[in-house]
Amino acid sequence: MTQTLPKTTSTGYIVKNHEPYAFGLEHHNHLAEPSLEHSGGWAGYRAYFIRLPNSRLTITVLSNQEAIDTQVLSYNIADILLKET
């Protein structure tokens, strides 16, 4: 992989609909820290990915239960792990 893709993905300098776009990763803030996030689901499965680059923390939650809120679980796990550091 070239160095261009990781830089573009993490900075989101491509603008789509007036918002930074990072090839499927959304730019947010979690606990006042920049984050890259992505969600997905299909046929009863759900997934959520959150990366907190400043804390060097990445969490992925996968579920085969559509009723499980993988985003909330990801945030809760991040909160627990960040409090331990």
Protein backbone atom coordinates (compact mmCIF):
# COMPACT_ATOMS: atom_id res chain seq x y z
CA MET A 1 0.00 0.00 0.00
CA THR A 2 1.31 3.42 -0.84
CA GLN A 3 1.67 6.09 1.81
CA THR A 4 -1.03 8.19 0.13
CA LEU A 5 -3.95 5.97 1.10
CA PRO A 6 -3.28 5.88 4.87
CA LYS A 7 -2.78 9.65 4.92
CA THR A 8 -5.96 10.27 2.96
CA THR A 9 -7.95 7.81 5.04
CA SER A 10 -6.89 9.32 8.35
CA THR A 11 -7.12 12.97 7.34
CA GLY A 12 -10.30 12.75 5.29
CA TYR A 13 -9.24 15.62 3.09
CA ILE A 14 -11.56 14.49 0.31
CA VAL A 15 -14.84 16.35 0.72
CA LYS A 16 -18.12 14.59 -0.06
CA ASN A 17 -21.37 16.45 0.61
CA HIS A 18 -19.41 19.12 2.52
CA GLU A 19 -18.07 16.56 5.02
CA PRO A 20 -14.65 14.91 5.26
CA TYR A 21 -14.71 11.50 3.63
CA ALA A 22 -12.11 8.87 4.39
CA PHE A 23 -13.05 5.96 2.13
CA GLY A 24 -15.84 4.64 4.35
CA LEU A 25 -14.40 5.83 7.66
CA GLU A 26 -16.30 8.64 9.35
CA HIS A 27 -14.52 11.31 11.35
CA HIS A 28 -15.94 11.84 14.84
CA ASN A 29 -14.77 12.66 18.35
CA HIS A 30 -15.05 10.30 21.28
CA LEU A 31 -14.20 11.61 24.75
CA ALA A 32 -12.80 14.74 23.08
CA GLU A 33 -10.41 12.61 21.01
CA PRO A 34 -10.53 12.36 17.21
CA SER A 35 -11.83 9.01 16.01
CA LEU A 36 -12.32 7.11 12.76
CA GLU A 37 -15.47 5.00 12.76
CA HIS A 38 -17.40 2.66 10.50
CA SER A 39 -20.60 0.69 10.96
CA GLY A 40 -22.22 -2.06 8.98
CA GLY A 41 -24.90 -4.67 9.04
CA TRP A 42 -26.56 -7.22 6.82
CA ALA A 43 -28.93 -10.17 7.23
CA GLY A 44 -29.09 -9.96 11.02
CA TYR A 45 -25.40 -9.22 11.55
CA ARG A 46 -24.04 -5.93 12.88
CA ALA A 47 -20.56 -4.51 13.21
CA TYR A 48 -18.88 -1.37 14.47
CA PHE A 49 -15.28 -0.21 14.17
CA ILE A 50 -13.70 2.67 16.08
CA ARG A 51 -10.07 3.78 15.94
CA LEU A 52 -8.67 6.34 18.37
CA PRO A 53 -5.27 7.12 16.82
CA ASN A 54 -4.03 9.36 19.65
CA SER A 55 -4.55 6.55 22.17
CA ARG A 56 -3.35 3.87 19.74
CA LEU A 57 -6.62 2.00 20.34
CA THR A 58 -8.78 0.16 17.81
CA ILE A 59 -11.96 -1.72 18.70
CA THR A 60 -14.13 -3.85 16.45
CA VAL A 61 -17.39 -5.36 17.68
CA LEU A 62 -19.14 -8.03 15.61
CA SER A 63 -22.56 -9.46 16.43
CA ASN A 64 -24.83 -12.08 14.93
CA GLN A 65 -27.76 -10.53 16.82
CA GLU A 66 -29.37 -7.64 14.97
CA ALA A 67 -30.75 -6.25 18.26
CA ILE A 68 -27.25 -5.71 19.70
CA ASP A 69 -26.11 -2.08 19.45
CA THR A 70 -22.50 -2.58 18.39
CA GLN A 71 -21.79 1.17 18.43
CA VAL A 72 -22.76 1.49 22.09
CA LEU A 73 -20.71 -1.60 22.95
CA SER A 74 -17.69 -0.19 21.09
CA TYR A 75 -17.94 3.11 22.96
CA ASN A 76 -18.36 1.36 26.32
CA ILE A 77 -15.29 -0.81 25.68
CA ALA A 78 -13.29 2.27 24.65
CA ASP A 79 -14.36 4.10 27.80
CA ILE A 80 -13.27 1.18 30.01
CA LEU A 81 -9.91 0.76 28.27
CA LEU A 82 -9.13 4.47 28.23
CA LYS A 83 -9.83 4.76 31.96
CA GLU A 84 -7.30 1.99 32.60
CA THR A 85 -4.48 3.89 30.87
